[in-house]
Amino acid sequence: MSKLLNEAEVRKLIPIGHSKYYELIGSGALRSVKIGRRRFVTEQAVSDYISGLDQAAA
């Protein structure tokens, strides 16, 4: 089971700014879930996003 990460935790794993974080979520590049008024990203979604970067660079 993946842990739910908030914005600050995701930004520690992926060195991006606040605006880029919401841009990635809005475009669907970084999958997220909404619980109440807050948005969370799973550890698996972060891993998938990073893997996609590796594949794009290759």
Protein backbone atom coordinates (compact mmCIF):
# COMPACT_ATOMS: atom_id res chain seq x y z
CA MET A 1 0.00 0.00 0.00
CA SER A 2 1.33 3.43 -0.93
CA LYS A 3 1.49 6.30 1.51
CA LEU A 4 -0.37 9.52 0.67
CA LEU A 5 1.97 12.48 0.39
CA ASN A 6 1.07 16.15 0.73
CA GLU A 7 2.55 18.89 -1.44
CA ALA A 8 5.56 19.54 0.80
CA GLU A 9 6.47 15.85 0.93
CA VAL A 10 6.21 15.48 -2.85
CA ARG A 11 8.33 18.58 -3.40
CA LYS A 12 11.06 17.09 -1.19
CA LEU A 13 11.15 14.04 -3.47
CA ILE A 14 10.86 15.97 -6.74
CA PRO A 15 12.69 19.32 -6.66
CA ILE A 16 9.95 21.48 -8.19
CA GLY A 17 8.20 24.68 -7.19
CA HIS A 18 4.64 25.20 -6.04
CA SER A 19 3.36 26.27 -9.46
CA LYS A 20 5.03 23.36 -11.28
CA TYR A 21 3.52 20.94 -8.73
CA TYR A 22 -0.01 22.09 -9.57
CA GLU A 23 0.79 22.22 -13.28
CA LEU A 24 1.85 18.54 -13.21
CA ILE A 25 -1.29 17.57 -11.30
CA GLY A 26 -3.52 19.60 -13.63
CA SER A 27 -2.03 18.01 -16.73
CA GLY A 28 -2.31 14.50 -15.27
CA ALA A 29 1.44 13.94 -15.47
CA LEU A 30 1.44 13.48 -11.68
CA ARG A 31 -1.62 11.51 -10.54
CA SER A 32 -3.33 12.72 -7.40
CA VAL A 33 -6.40 12.09 -5.27
CA LYS A 34 -8.61 14.64 -3.60
CA ILE A 35 -9.84 14.03 -0.08
CA GLY A 36 -12.11 16.78 1.11
CA ARG A 37 -10.46 20.04 0.09
CA ARG A 38 -6.93 18.64 0.09
CA ARG A 39 -5.02 16.94 -2.70
CA PHE A 40 -2.57 14.08 -2.14
CA VAL A 41 -0.14 12.13 -4.31
CA THR A 42 0.74 8.49 -3.67
CA GLU A 43 4.32 7.31 -3.40
CA GLN A 44 3.61 5.11 -6.44
CA ALA A 45 2.50 8.13 -8.49
CA VAL A 46 5.78 9.90 -7.64
CA SER A 47 7.73 6.79 -8.62
CA ASP A 48 5.80 6.49 -11.90
CA TYR A 49 6.43 10.16 -12.71
CA ILE A 50 10.17 9.79 -12.09
CA SER A 51 10.27 6.60 -14.19
CA GLY A 52 8.57 8.50 -17.01
CA LEU A 53 11.30 11.14 -16.84
CA ASP A 54 13.95 8.42 -17.13
CA GLN A 55 12.21 6.96 -20.18
CA ALA A 56 11.84 10.37 -21.85
CA ALA A 57 15.55 11.06 -21.36
CA ALA A 58 16.57 7.75 -22.95
